[in-house]
C-alpha cells in the first residue's frame, strides 16, 4: 500500500475493539476516486440511496475551563457565514457543542461536533466534521473534494482519517435467489476487493475486505482492511434489504 509523507497512527474505539489506523492526508488519498467507485457500484446495482456521509474526526488542543470551551465554539462558528450553533452543553463532566450548515446548492447538510473531555487536569478538545447527502450526483460531484479539503483545513482536520459511507434500503429482496454470502461476494468482486473476515447470521452478514486502490486502511488481526460491507435482509411482509458500505469501516449502526 502506498502511503504519503504525512503518515500517522491513532487508536480509536468504534465498538469493534481497538484498531490501529494508518492514514495520510487527503492529498495522498483521493476522496473523489473512492466516491466514484461507490457511486459506480450503486449505479450498477440500480440502488436508490438513503444516505451517504463523509465523517472526519481529529483531536485538538487542550483548554482549561468552560469559558475557554465556549469561546472555542464561538470562534469555530464564525469561520464561515450561515453556520449556526445548535447546542452547547457544559453541564456534565464532558462538554459538547453542535454547529450546522445546510447547503441547498449541493443538497447536503454539514455538521461540526465539538467535544471536550478531562485529561490531566485540563480538557482535550476534538472536532468531528460530518457531511451528509442522498444524491449520488453530489457524491460524485467535482465540487465535493475541494469542499471537504476546505473544511479539513478550516476545522484543523488536516491529518485526520476520512470515513466515507453510503446506505441503501430497498422495499424488495435484492438477493433474488442468491445466498446472502454470494450476494456479498458479487459486490466485492465488482469492487475488486479481497475479503479479510466475515460475521454471518441467518439474515445478516458483515464483511471486512481490502481494496488495493484505496490507500487509507486499518489493521485488524494483522491484516489491512479498508472496506466494510453490511447486508441485512428483513423477513415477513414487505421484505426489505439494507446494504451499508463504508471505508475504511462503517461508522454508524447497521
Protein backbone atom coordinates (compact mmCIF):
# COMPACT_ATOMS: atom_id res chain seq x y z
CA UNK A 1 0.00 0.00 0.00
CA UNK A 2 1.36 3.40 -0.95
CA UNK A 3 1.48 5.90 1.89
CA UNK A 4 2.01 9.66 1.78
CA UNK A 5 4.61 11.54 3.74
CA UNK A 6 2.09 12.62 6.37
CA UNK A 7 1.83 9.19 7.98
CA UNK A 8 0.42 8.91 11.46
CA UNK A 9 -1.11 6.31 13.76
CA UNK A 10 -4.01 6.76 16.15
CA UNK A 11 -6.03 4.32 18.19
CA UNK A 12 -9.80 4.70 18.44
CA UNK A 13 -12.73 2.66 19.73
CA UNK A 14 -15.70 2.08 17.43
CA UNK A 15 -17.47 -0.67 19.35
CA UNK A 16 -15.35 -3.21 17.48
CA UNK A 17 -12.41 -3.15 19.86
CA UNK A 18 -9.25 -1.11 19.44
CA UNK A 19 -7.99 -0.85 15.91
CA UNK A 20 -4.89 0.88 14.57
CA UNK A 21 -5.44 3.46 11.84
CA UNK A 22 -2.83 4.19 9.22
CA UNK A 23 -3.82 7.25 7.23
CA UNK A 24 -2.43 10.07 5.19
CA UNK A 25 -3.70 13.48 4.22
CA UNK A 26 -6.41 13.99 1.62
CA UNK A 27 -3.69 14.79 -0.89
CA UNK A 28 -2.46 11.19 -0.69
CA UNK A 29 -5.90 9.59 -0.65
CA UNK A 30 -8.36 10.58 -3.36
CA UNK A 31 -11.78 11.05 -1.84
CA UNK A 32 -13.08 11.63 -5.36
CA UNK A 33 -11.83 8.23 -6.59
CA UNK A 34 -13.37 6.43 -3.61
CA UNK A 35 -16.68 8.25 -4.02
CA UNK A 36 -16.74 7.47 -7.74
CA UNK A 37 -16.19 3.75 -7.04
CA UNK A 38 -19.12 3.71 -4.60
CA UNK A 39 -21.34 5.67 -7.00
CA UNK A 40 -20.47 3.29 -9.84
CA UNK A 41 -21.32 0.29 -7.66
CA UNK A 42 -24.66 1.83 -6.66
CA UNK A 43 -25.42 2.64 -10.29
CA UNK A 44 -24.59 -0.88 -11.48
CA UNK A 45 -26.83 -2.32 -8.78
CA UNK A 46 -29.58 0.24 -9.55
CA UNK A 47 -29.77 1.22 -5.91
CA UNK A 48 -31.69 4.20 -4.62
CA UNK A 49 -29.51 5.71 -1.90
CA UNK A 50 -30.99 6.50 1.50
CA UNK A 51 -27.96 8.47 2.60
CA UNK A 52 -24.25 8.92 2.11
CA UNK A 53 -21.91 10.57 4.56
CA UNK A 54 -18.32 11.66 4.99
CA UNK A 55 -17.02 11.80 8.55
CA UNK A 56 -13.68 13.19 9.75
CA UNK A 57 -12.51 13.40 13.36
CA UNK A 58 -9.32 14.64 15.00
CA UNK A 59 -8.20 15.67 18.46
CA UNK A 60 -7.24 19.31 19.01
CA UNK A 61 -5.57 21.44 21.66
CA UNK A 62 -6.06 21.47 25.42
CA UNK A 63 -8.28 24.05 27.14
CA UNK A 64 -8.63 24.92 30.82
CA UNK A 65 -12.26 25.76 31.61
CA UNK A 66 -15.85 26.16 30.42
CA UNK A 67 -15.37 29.74 29.26
CA UNK A 68 -12.45 28.66 27.08
CA UNK A 69 -14.66 25.96 25.56
CA UNK A 70 -17.48 28.43 24.84
CA UNK A 71 -15.02 30.83 23.23
CA UNK A 72 -13.64 27.99 21.11
CA UNK A 73 -17.15 27.07 19.93
CA UNK A 74 -17.92 30.71 19.09
CA UNK A 75 -14.70 31.03 17.11
CA UNK A 76 -15.47 27.85 15.15
CA UNK A 77 -18.97 29.06 14.31
CA UNK A 78 -17.57 32.30 12.86
CA UNK A 79 -15.25 30.62 10.35
CA UNK A 80 -17.97 30.51 7.67
CA UNK A 81 -21.15 32.50 7.11
CA UNK A 82 -24.53 30.83 7.73
CA UNK A 83 -23.21 28.24 10.20
CA UNK A 84 -25.39 28.08 13.31
CA UNK A 85 -24.64 26.93 16.85
CA UNK A 86 -27.46 24.50 17.63
CA UNK A 87 -26.41 23.50 21.14
CA UNK A 88 -23.71 23.95 23.78
CA UNK A 89 -23.70 21.67 26.84
CA UNK A 90 -21.23 22.18 29.69
CA UNK A 91 -23.39 20.68 32.45
CA UNK A 92 -21.63 17.30 32.69
CA UNK A 93 -18.02 16.19 33.06
CA UNK A 94 -17.65 16.16 29.26
CA UNK A 95 -18.67 19.20 27.23
CA UNK A 96 -20.17 19.26 23.74
CA UNK A 97 -21.40 21.64 21.07
CA UNK A 98 -23.14 21.25 17.72
CA UNK A 99 -22.69 23.60 14.75
CA UNK A 100 -24.62 23.03 11.50
CA UNK A 101 -24.88 24.35 7.95
CA UNK A 102 -27.40 23.45 5.25
CA UNK A 103 -26.07 23.74 1.71
CA UNK A 104 -29.08 23.90 -0.68
CA UNK A 105 -26.89 24.27 -3.77
CA UNK A 106 -25.36 20.82 -3.13
CA UNK A 107 -28.36 19.36 -1.27
CA UNK A 108 -26.19 18.50 1.72
CA UNK A 109 -26.04 19.09 5.45
CA UNK A 110 -22.79 19.84 7.25
CA UNK A 111 -22.25 19.32 10.97
CA UNK A 112 -19.33 20.02 13.26
CA UNK A 113 -19.45 18.37 16.68
CA UNK A 114 -17.04 19.76 19.24
CA UNK A 115 -16.24 17.75 22.36
CA UNK A 116 -14.04 18.38 25.39
CA UNK A 117 -13.17 15.68 27.90
CA UNK A 118 -10.96 15.65 31.02
CA UNK A 119 -7.28 14.89 30.54
CA UNK A 120 -4.50 15.53 33.07
CA UNK A 121 -6.33 18.31 34.89
CA UNK A 122 -7.39 20.09 31.69
CA UNK A 123 -9.75 19.32 28.81
CA UNK A 124 -8.86 17.81 25.45
CA UNK A 125 -10.89 19.20 22.53
CA UNK A 126 -11.90 17.15 19.50
CA UNK A 127 -13.59 18.15 16.23
CA UNK A 128 -15.85 15.82 14.22
CA UNK A 129 -16.94 17.05 10.78
CA UNK A 130 -19.82 15.30 9.02
CA UNK A 131 -21.13 15.89 5.50
CA UNK A 132 -24.42 14.15 4.63
CA UNK A 133 -26.48 13.87 1.48
CA UNK A 134 -28.67 11.50 -0.52
CA UNK A 135 -27.81 12.36 -4.12
CA UNK A 136 -25.30 10.18 -5.94
CA UNK A 137 -24.71 13.10 -8.31
CA UNK A 138 -23.47 15.20 -5.38
CA UNK A 139 -21.28 12.38 -4.06
CA UNK A 140 -19.51 12.17 -7.42
CA UNK A 141 -19.51 15.94 -7.98
CA UNK A 142 -16.30 17.78 -8.85
CA UNK A 143 -17.17 20.19 -6.02
CA UNK A 144 -17.05 17.54 -3.30
CA UNK A 145 -13.32 17.06 -2.79
CA UNK A 146 -12.48 20.82 -2.77
CA UNK A 147 -15.31 21.37 -0.26
CA UNK A 148 -14.07 18.64 2.07
CA UNK A 149 -10.47 19.81 1.74
CA UNK A 150 -11.55 23.34 2.63
CA UNK A 151 -13.40 22.12 5.72
CA UNK A 152 -10.46 19.98 6.80
CA UNK A 153 -8.17 22.99 6.60
CA UNK A 154 -10.59 25.33 8.37
CA UNK A 155 -11.53 22.96 11.19
CA UNK A 156 -7.97 21.71 11.84
CA UNK A 157 -8.57 18.22 10.44
CA UNK A 158 -5.64 18.12 8.01
CA UNK A 159 -4.20 14.84 9.30
CA UNK A 160 -7.46 13.03 10.04
CA UNK A 161 -8.78 9.76 8.64
CA UNK A 162 -11.67 10.20 6.18
CA UNK A 163 -14.62 7.84 6.63
CA UNK A 164 -16.92 7.56 3.58
CA UNK A 165 -20.16 5.61 3.72
CA UNK A 166 -23.37 5.01 1.79
CA UNK A 167 -26.57 3.17 2.65
CA UNK A 168 -29.39 1.80 0.53
CA UNK A 169 -32.62 0.27 1.80
CA UNK A 170 -34.91 -1.29 -0.80
CA UNK A 171 -38.51 -2.47 -0.45
CA UNK A 172 -37.63 -5.64 -2.29
CA UNK A 173 -35.42 -8.67 -1.97
CA UNK A 174 -32.12 -7.63 -3.54
CA UNK A 175 -30.78 -11.12 -3.01
CA UNK A 176 -33.21 -12.67 -5.51
CA UNK A 177 -32.30 -16.36 -5.49
CA UNK A 178 -28.81 -15.75 -4.14
CA UNK A 179 -27.49 -16.65 -0.71
CA UNK A 180 -26.54 -13.55 1.31
CA UNK A 181 -22.86 -14.60 1.20
CA UNK A 182 -22.98 -15.00 -2.57
CA UNK A 183 -24.51 -11.53 -2.91
CA UNK A 184 -21.68 -10.07 -0.78
CA UNK A 185 -19.11 -11.92 -2.91
CA UNK A 186 -20.61 -10.36 -6.04
CA UNK A 187 -20.34 -6.87 -4.57
CA UNK A 188 -16.72 -7.43 -3.51
CA UNK A 189 -15.89 -8.81 -6.95
CA UNK A 190 -17.40 -5.73 -8.57
CA UNK A 191 -15.17 -3.54 -6.40
CA UNK A 192 -12.17 -5.86 -6.91
CA UNK A 193 -11.85 -6.22 -3.12
CA UNK A 194 -10.44 -9.20 -1.19
CA UNK A 195 -12.36 -10.50 1.83
CA UNK A 196 -10.44 -10.43 5.13
CA UNK A 197 -13.06 -11.64 7.59
CA UNK A 198 -16.83 -12.03 7.90
CA UNK A 199 -19.56 -12.36 10.51
CA UNK A 200 -22.68 -14.19 9.34
CA UNK A 201 -26.08 -14.67 10.91
CA UNK A 202 -29.27 -16.03 9.37
CA UNK A 203 -30.39 -12.76 7.79
CA UNK A 204 -27.33 -10.58 8.30
CA UNK A 205 -23.76 -10.51 7.03
CA UNK A 206 -20.86 -8.17 7.82
CA UNK A 207 -17.71 -8.43 5.70
CA UNK A 208 -14.35 -6.71 6.11
CA UNK A 209 -12.22 -6.54 2.97
CA UNK A 210 -9.23 -4.87 1.36
CA UNK A 211 -9.26 -2.89 -1.87
CA UNK A 212 -5.78 -2.14 -3.18
CA UNK A 213 -6.76 1.06 -5.00
CA UNK A 214 -7.94 2.75 -1.78
CA UNK A 215 -4.89 3.93 0.14
CA UNK A 216 -6.42 4.51 3.59
CA UNK A 217 -6.54 1.33 5.66
CA UNK A 218 -6.77 -0.05 9.16
CA UNK A 219 -5.06 -3.08 10.60
CA UNK A 220 -7.16 -5.86 12.10
CA UNK A 221 -5.77 -9.20 13.28
CA UNK A 222 -2.51 -8.46 11.50
CA UNK A 223 -4.13 -7.74 8.12
CA UNK A 224 -5.06 -4.50 6.42
CA UNK A 225 -8.69 -3.69 5.59
CA UNK A 226 -10.27 -0.59 4.10
CA UNK A 227 -13.85 -1.50 3.28
CA UNK A 228 -16.69 -2.87 5.37
CA UNK A 229 -19.92 -4.20 3.95
CA UNK A 230 -23.10 -4.97 5.92
CA UNK A 231 -26.18 -6.64 4.42
CA UNK A 232 -29.40 -7.12 6.36
CA UNK A 233 -32.42 -8.98 4.98
CA UNK A 234 -35.71 -8.34 6.81
CA UNK A 235 -38.23 -11.14 6.60
CA UNK A 236 -42.03 -11.25 6.52
CA UNK A 237 -44.41 -8.82 4.86
CA UNK A 238 -42.65 -6.11 2.90
CA UNK A 239 -39.34 -7.93 2.60
CA UNK A 240 -36.58 -5.32 2.71
CA UNK A 241 -32.84 -5.42 2.05
CA UNK A 242 -30.45 -2.89 3.59
CA UNK A 243 -26.88 -2.56 2.34
CA UNK A 244 -24.32 -0.33 4.06
CA UNK A 245 -20.81 0.18 2.68
CA UNK A 246 -18.11 2.14 4.49
CA UNK A 247 -14.42 2.87 4.11
CA UNK A 248 -12.22 2.16 5.94
CA UNK A 249 -15.06 1.00 8.24
CA UNK A 250 -18.77 1.64 8.77
CA UNK A 251 -19.21 4.34 11.40
CA UNK A 252 -22.95 4.05 12.13
CA UNK A 253 -25.25 1.31 13.35
CA UNK A 254 -26.37 -1.16 10.70
